PDB file of N, CA and C in Angstrom:
ATOM      1  N   MET A   1     -44.909  41.644  58.522  1.00  0.00           N
ATOM      2  CA  MET A   1     -43.664  42.398  58.480  1.00  0.00           C
ATOM      3  C   MET A   1     -43.797  43.662  59.330  1.00  0.00           C
ATOM      4  N   VAL A   2     -42.842  43.885  60.206  1.00  0.00           N
ATOM      5  CA  VAL A   2     -42.839  45.070  61.063  1.00  0.00           C
ATOM      6  C   VAL A   2     -41.735  45.996  60.586  1.00  0.00           C
ATOM      7  N   LYS A   3     -42.083  47.263  60.413  1.00  0.00           N
ATOM      8  CA  LYS A   3     -41.127  48.244  59.929  1.00  0.00           C
ATOM      9  C   LYS A   3     -41.130  49.432  60.889  1.00  0.00           C
ATOM     10  N   VAL A   4     -39.970  49.803  61.385  1.00  0.00           N
ATOM     11  CA  VAL A   4     -39.847  50.946  62.286  1.00  0.00           C
ATOM     12  C   VAL A   4     -39.334  52.128  61.482  1.00  0.00           C
ATOM     13  N   ILE A   5     -40.050  53.228  61.525  1.00  0.00           N
ATOM     14  CA  ILE A   5     -39.632  54.450  60.845  1.00  0.00           C
ATOM     15  C   ILE A   5     -38.964  55.324  61.899  1.00  0.00           C
ATOM     16  N   GLN A   6     -37.667  55.470  61.818  1.00  0.00           N
ATOM     17  CA  GLN A   6     -36.884  56.120  62.872  1.00  0.00           C
ATOM     18  C   GLN A   6     -37.246  57.590  63.083  1.00  0.00           C
ATOM     19  N   GLN A   7     -37.418  58.357  62.024  1.00  0.00           N
ATOM     20  CA  GLN A   7     -37.624  59.795  62.186  1.00  0.00           C
ATOM     21  C   GLN A   7     -38.945  60.126  62.880  1.00  0.00           C
ATOM     22  N   LYS A   8     -39.945  59.274  62.739  1.00  0.00           N
ATOM     23  CA  LYS A   8     -41.263  59.609  63.250  1.00  0.00           C
ATOM     24  C   LYS A   8     -41.675  58.765  64.451  1.00  0.00           C
ATOM     25  N   ASN A   9     -40.847  57.842  64.886  1.00  0.00           N
ATOM     26  CA  ASN A   9     -41.193  56.938  65.988  1.00  0.00           C
ATOM     27  C   ASN A   9     -42.518  56.222  65.731  1.00  0.00           C
ATOM     28  N   VAL A  10     -42.719  55.795  64.490  1.00  0.00           N
ATOM     29  CA  VAL A  10     -43.936  55.086  64.108  1.00  0.00           C
ATOM     30  C   VAL A  10     -43.570  53.658  63.762  1.00  0.00           C
ATOM     31  N   ILE A  11     -44.346  52.729  64.278  1.00  0.00           N
ATOM     32  CA  ILE A  11     -44.171  51.319  63.929  1.00  0.00           C
ATOM     33  C   ILE A  11     -45.339  50.940  63.047  1.00  0.00           C
ATOM     34  N   ARG A  12     -45.052  50.249  61.974  1.00  0.00           N
ATOM     35  CA  ARG A  12     -46.113  49.812  61.070  1.00  0.00           C
ATOM     36  C   ARG A  12     -46.115  48.294  60.995  1.00  0.00           C
ATOM     37  N   VAL A  13     -47.315  47.735  61.027  1.00  0.00           N
ATOM     38  CA  VAL A  13     -47.502  46.320  60.760  1.00  0.00           C
ATOM     39  C   VAL A  13     -48.281  46.287  59.453  1.00  0.00           C
ATOM     40  N   GLY A  14     -47.608  45.895  58.388  1.00  0.00           N
ATOM     41  CA  GLY A  14     -48.214  46.040  57.073  1.00  0.00           C
ATOM     42  C   GLY A  14     -48.309  47.522  56.767  1.00  0.00           C
ATOM     43  N   LYS A  15     -49.506  47.996  56.421  1.00  0.00           N
ATOM     44  CA  LYS A  15     -49.696  49.419  56.120  1.00  0.00           C
ATOM     45  C   LYS A  15     -50.256  50.203  57.301  1.00  0.00           C
ATOM     46  N   GLU A  16     -50.663  49.493  58.348  1.00  0.00           N
ATOM     47  CA  GLU A  16     -51.300  50.145  59.493  1.00  0.00           C
ATOM     48  C   GLU A  16     -50.280  50.571  60.547  1.00  0.00           C
ATOM     49  N   PRO A  17     -50.352  51.827  61.011  1.00  0.00           N
ATOM     50  CA  PRO A  17     -49.508  52.241  62.134  1.00  0.00           C
ATOM     51  C   PRO A  17     -49.987  51.575  63.424  1.00  0.00           C
ATOM     52  N   VAL A  18     -49.076  51.301  64.323  1.00  0.00           N
ATOM     53  CA  VAL A  18     -49.381  50.607  65.571  1.00  0.00           C
ATOM     54  C   VAL A  18     -48.894  51.462  66.736  1.00  0.00           C
ATOM     55  N   VAL A  19     -49.654  51.457  67.821  1.00  0.00           N
ATOM     56  CA  VAL A  19     -49.270  52.181  69.032  1.00  0.00           C
ATOM     57  C   VAL A  19     -48.903  51.150  70.091  1.00  0.00           C
ATOM     58  N   ILE A  20     -47.774  51.342  70.718  1.00  0.00           N
ATOM     59  CA  ILE A  20     -47.345  50.453  71.788  1.00  0.00           C
ATOM     60  C   ILE A  20     -47.384  51.234  73.091  1.00  0.00           C
ATOM     61  N   LEU A  21     -48.130  50.688  74.069  1.00  0.00           N
ATOM     62  CA  LEU A  21     -48.272  51.333  75.373  1.00  0.00           C
ATOM     63  C   LEU A  21     -47.810  50.383  76.462  1.00  0.00           C
ATOM     64  N   SER A  22     -47.384  50.960  77.561  1.00  0.00           N
ATOM     65  CA  SER A  22     -47.102  50.125  78.727  1.00  0.00           C
ATOM     66  C   SER A  22     -48.425  49.595  79.258  1.00  0.00           C
ATOM     67  N   LEU A  23     -48.381  48.523  80.008  1.00  0.00           N
ATOM     68  CA  LEU A  23     -49.598  47.943  80.567  1.00  0.00           C
ATOM     69  C   LEU A  23     -50.302  48.941  81.481  1.00  0.00           C
ATOM     70  N   ARG A  24     -49.547  49.716  82.218  1.00  0.00           N
ATOM     71  CA  ARG A  24     -50.124  50.734  83.108  1.00  0.00           C
ATOM     72  C   ARG A  24     -50.936  51.754  82.306  1.00  0.00           C
ATOM     73  N   GLU A  25     -50.356  52.225  81.208  1.00  0.00           N
ATOM     74  CA  GLU A  25     -51.064  53.202  80.363  1.00  0.00           C
ATOM     75  C   GLU A  25     -52.298  52.574  79.729  1.00  0.00           C
ATOM     76  N   TRP A  26     -52.187  51.326  79.255  1.00  0.00           N
ATOM     77  CA  TRP A  26     -53.332  50.655  78.637  1.00  0.00           C
ATOM     78  C   TRP A  26     -54.476  50.503  79.643  1.00  0.00           C
ATOM     79  N   ARG A  27     -54.154  50.187  80.887  1.00  0.00           N
ATOM     80  CA  ARG A  27     -55.198  50.043  81.909  1.00  0.00           C
ATOM     81  C   ARG A  27     -55.907  51.374  82.158  1.00  0.00           C
ATOM     82  N   LYS A  28     -55.182  52.488  82.088  1.00  0.00           N
ATOM     83  CA  LYS A  28     -55.802  53.809  82.216  1.00  0.00           C
ATOM     84  C   LYS A  28     -56.776  54.050  81.069  1.00  0.00           C
ATOM     85  N   VAL A  29     -56.371  53.677  79.864  1.00  0.00           N
ATOM     86  CA  VAL A  29     -57.243  53.828  78.689  1.00  0.00           C
ATOM     87  C   VAL A  29     -58.492  52.969  78.864  1.00  0.00           C
ATOM     88  N   GLU A  30     -58.314  51.717  79.276  1.00  0.00           N
ATOM     89  CA  GLU A  30     -59.458  50.825  79.498  1.00  0.00           C
ATOM     90  C   GLU A  30     -60.421  51.393  80.527  1.00  0.00           C
ATOM     91  N   LYS A  31     -59.888  51.897  81.627  1.00  0.00           N
ATOM     92  CA  LYS A  31     -60.719  52.460  82.693  1.00  0.00           C
ATOM     93  C   LYS A  31     -61.515  53.657  82.180  1.00  0.00           C
ATOM     94  N   SER A  32     -60.866  54.505  81.396  1.00  0.00           N
ATOM     95  CA  SER A  32     -61.548  55.674  80.830  1.00  0.00           C
ATOM     96  C   SER A  32     -62.686  55.247  79.910  1.00  0.00           C
ATOM     97  N   LEU A  33     -62.442  54.230  79.086  1.00  0.00           N
ATOM     98  CA  LEU A  33     -63.480  53.743  78.179  1.00  0.00           C
ATOM     99  C   LEU A  33     -64.644  53.126  78.954  1.00  0.00           C
ATOM    100  N   GLU A  34     -64.349  52.391  80.008  1.00  0.00           N
ATOM    101  CA  GLU A  34     -65.408  51.809  80.829  1.00  0.00           C
ATOM    102  C   GLU A  34     -66.239  52.901  81.494  1.00  0.00           C
ATOM    103  N   ASP A  35     -65.577  53.948  81.990  1.00  0.00           N
ATOM    104  CA  ASP A  35     -66.290  55.060  82.615  1.00  0.00           C
ATOM    105  C   ASP A  35     -67.193  55.757  81.601  1.00  0.00           C
ATOM    106  N   LEU A  36     -66.686  55.932  80.385  1.00  0.00           N
ATOM    107  CA  LEU A  36     -67.472  56.567  79.332  1.00  0.00           C
ATOM    108  C   LEU A  36     -68.703  55.725  78.994  1.00  0.00           C
ATOM    109  N   GLU A  37     -68.525  54.421  78.854  1.00  0.00           N
ATOM    110  CA  GLU A  37     -69.654  53.539  78.557  1.00  0.00           C
ATOM    111  C   GLU A  37     -70.703  53.593  79.664  1.00  0.00           C
ATOM    112  N   GLU A  38     -70.239  53.607  80.907  1.00  0.00           N
ATOM    113  CA  GLU A  38     -71.170  53.686  82.037  1.00  0.00           C
ATOM    114  C   GLU A  38     -71.941  55.003  82.021  1.00  0.00           C
ATOM    115  N   SER A  39     -71.263  56.091  81.702  1.00  0.00           N
ATOM    116  CA  SER A  39     -71.926  57.398  81.622  1.00  0.00           C
ATOM    117  C   SER A  39     -72.976  57.418  80.520  1.00  0.00           C
ATOM    118  N   LEU A  40     -72.645  56.816  79.386  1.00  0.00           N
ATOM    119  CA  LEU A  40     -73.602  56.774  78.286  1.00  0.00           C
ATOM    120  C   LEU A  40     -74.843  55.970  78.666  1.00  0.00           C
ATOM    121  N   ARG A  41     -74.651  54.821  79.314  1.00  0.00           N
ATOM    122  CA  ARG A  41     -75.796  54.015  79.749  1.00  0.00           C
ATOM    123  C   ARG A  41     -76.639  54.784  80.770  1.00  0.00           C
ATOM    124  N   PHE A  42     -75.979  55.519  81.668  1.00  0.00           N
ATOM    125  CA  PHE A  42     -76.706  56.312  82.648  1.00  0.00           C
ATOM    126  C   PHE A  42     -77.541  57.389  81.955  1.00  0.00           C
ATOM    127  N   ASN A  43     -76.968  58.070  80.969  1.00  0.00           N
ATOM    128  CA  ASN A  43     -77.695  59.116  80.247  1.00  0.00           C
ATOM    129  C   ASN A  43     -78.924  58.557  79.540  1.00  0.00           C
ATOM    130  N   VAL A  44     -78.791  57.386  78.928  1.00  0.00           N
ATOM    131  CA  VAL A  44     -79.938  56.751  78.269  1.00  0.00           C
ATOM    132  C   VAL A  44     -81.016  56.443  79.308  1.00  0.00           C
ATOM    133  N   ALA A  45     -80.608  55.878  80.431  1.00  0.00           N
ATOM    134  CA  ALA A  45     -81.564  55.541  81.485  1.00  0.00           C
ATOM    135  C   ALA A  45     -82.251  56.799  82.006  1.00  0.00           C
ATOM    136  N   TYR A  46     -81.513  57.867  82.180  1.00  0.00           N
ATOM    137  CA  TYR A  46     -82.081  59.118  82.691  1.00  0.00           C
ATOM    138  C   TYR A  46     -83.097  59.690  81.706  1.00  0.00           C
ATOM    139  N   LYS A  47     -82.741  59.722  80.428  1.00  0.00           N
ATOM    140  CA  LYS A  47     -83.646  60.282  79.423  1.00  0.00           C
ATOM    141  C   LYS A  47     -84.929  59.464  79.311  1.00  0.00           C
ATOM    142  N   GLU A  48     -84.827  58.152  79.425  1.00  0.00           N
ATOM    143  CA  GLU A  48     -86.005  57.301  79.314  1.00  0.00           C
ATOM    144  C   GLU A  48     -86.930  57.426  80.513  1.00  0.00           C
ATOM    145  N   THR A  49     -86.407  57.779  81.668  1.00  0.00           N
ATOM    146  CA  THR A  49     -87.236  57.827  82.871  1.00  0.00           C
ATOM    147  C   THR A  49     -87.648  59.243  83.268  1.00  0.00           C
ATOM    148  N   ARG A  50     -87.198  60.251  82.551  1.00  0.00           N
ATOM    149  CA  ARG A  50     -87.542  61.626  82.899  1.00  0.00           C
ATOM    150  C   ARG A  50     -89.056  61.836  82.797  1.00  0.00           C
ATOM    151  N   GLY A  51     -89.628  62.424  83.811  1.00  0.00           N
ATOM    152  CA  GLY A  51     -91.052  62.718  83.802  1.00  0.00           C
ATOM    153  C   GLY A  51     -91.930  61.529  84.170  1.00  0.00           C
ATOM    154  N   LYS A  52     -91.341  60.398  84.444  1.00  0.00           N
ATOM    155  CA  LYS A  52     -92.113  59.207  84.800  1.00  0.00           C
ATOM    156  C   LYS A  52     -92.040  58.989  86.305  1.00  0.00           C
ATOM    157  N   LYS A  53     -92.805  58.005  86.728  1.00  0.00           N
ATOM    158  CA  LYS A  53     -92.797  57.636  88.136  1.00  0.00           C
ATOM    159  C   LYS A  53     -91.371  57.268  88.564  1.00  0.00           C
ATOM    160  N   MET A  54     -91.005  57.618  89.771  1.00  0.00           N
ATOM    161  CA  MET A  54     -89.656  57.335  90.262  1.00  0.00           C
ATOM    162  C   MET A  54     -89.392  55.832  90.268  1.00  0.00           C
ATOM    163  N   THR A  55     -88.160  55.469  89.906  1.00  0.00           N
ATOM    164  CA  THR A  55     -87.729  54.077  89.869  1.00  0.00           C
ATOM    165  C   THR A  55     -86.534  53.940  90.800  1.00  0.00           C
ATOM    166  N   SER A  56     -86.434  52.817  91.459  1.00  0.00           N
ATOM    167  CA  SER A  56     -85.317  52.624  92.380  1.00  0.00           C
ATOM    168  C   SER A  56     -84.003  52.495  91.605  1.00  0.00           C
ATOM    169  N   LEU A  57     -82.940  52.882  92.258  1.00  0.00           N
ATOM    170  CA  LEU A  57     -81.622  52.802  91.654  1.00  0.00           C
ATOM    171  C   LEU A  57     -81.271  51.359  91.312  1.00  0.00           C
ATOM    172  N   GLU A  58     -81.629  50.441  92.178  1.00  0.00           N
ATOM    173  CA  GLU A  58     -81.310  49.032  91.932  1.00  0.00           C
ATOM    174  C   GLU A  58     -81.998  48.506  90.672  1.00  0.00           C
ATOM    175  N   SER A  59     -83.251  48.875  90.459  1.00  0.00           N
ATOM    176  CA  SER A  59     -83.941  48.397  89.262  1.00  0.00           C
ATOM    177  C   SER A  59     -83.343  49.026  88.003  1.00  0.00           C
ATOM    178  N   LEU A  60     -82.906  50.279  88.095  1.00  0.00           N
ATOM    179  CA  LEU A  60     -82.229  50.910  86.940  1.00  0.00           C
ATOM    180  C   LEU A  60     -80.904  50.224  86.653  1.00  0.00           C
ATOM    181  N   LYS A  61     -80.155  49.893  87.708  1.00  0.00           N
ATOM    182  CA  LYS A  61     -78.882  49.208  87.513  1.00  0.00           C
ATOM    183  C   LYS A  61     -79.093  47.864  86.827  1.00  0.00           C
ATOM    184  N   LYS A  62     -80.137  47.137  87.251  1.00  0.00           N
ATOM    185  CA  LYS A  62     -80.410  45.841  86.629  1.00  0.00           C
ATOM    186  C   LYS A  62     -80.840  46.019  85.171  1.00  0.00           C
ATOM    187  N   LYS A  63     -81.728  46.973  84.932  1.00  0.00           N
ATOM    188  CA  LYS A  63     -82.252  47.184  83.579  1.00  0.00           C
ATOM    189  C   LYS A  63     -81.166  47.586  82.595  1.00  0.00           C
ATOM    190  N   TYR A  64     -80.252  48.478  83.021  1.00  0.00           N
ATOM    191  CA  TYR A  64     -79.218  48.999  82.132  1.00  0.00           C
ATOM    192  C   TYR A  64     -77.849  48.397  82.387  1.00  0.00           C
ATOM    193  N   LYS A  65     -77.797  47.344  83.183  1.00  0.00           N
ATOM    194  CA  LYS A  65     -76.564  46.617  83.454  1.00  0.00           C
ATOM    195  C   LYS A  65     -75.439  47.524  83.932  1.00  0.00           C
ATOM    196  N   LEU A  66     -75.746  48.340  84.913  1.00  0.00           N
ATOM    197  CA  LEU A  66     -74.745  49.263  85.481  1.00  0.00           C
ATOM    198  C   LEU A  66     -74.060  48.629  86.664  1.00  0.00           C
TER     199      LEU A  66
END
C-alpha cells in the first residue's frame, strides 16, 4: 500500500518513507558512493604500505581492486 502525505511531500510504502529521485540524480548519488568506496580502498592500501618498500601502482590496483 502506498500512501502520499500531502503536507510533508512524503511517500510511504507500508511504514517506511520512500525517496523518489530522477535517474540523473540517482546516477550522481551512485557516482559519489563509488568515489567514496575507491577513496576508502586507497586509504587502506596507503596505510598498509606506509614505511615499506615501494610498490608499483599497478600491483596496488590489482591487490585492492581499484
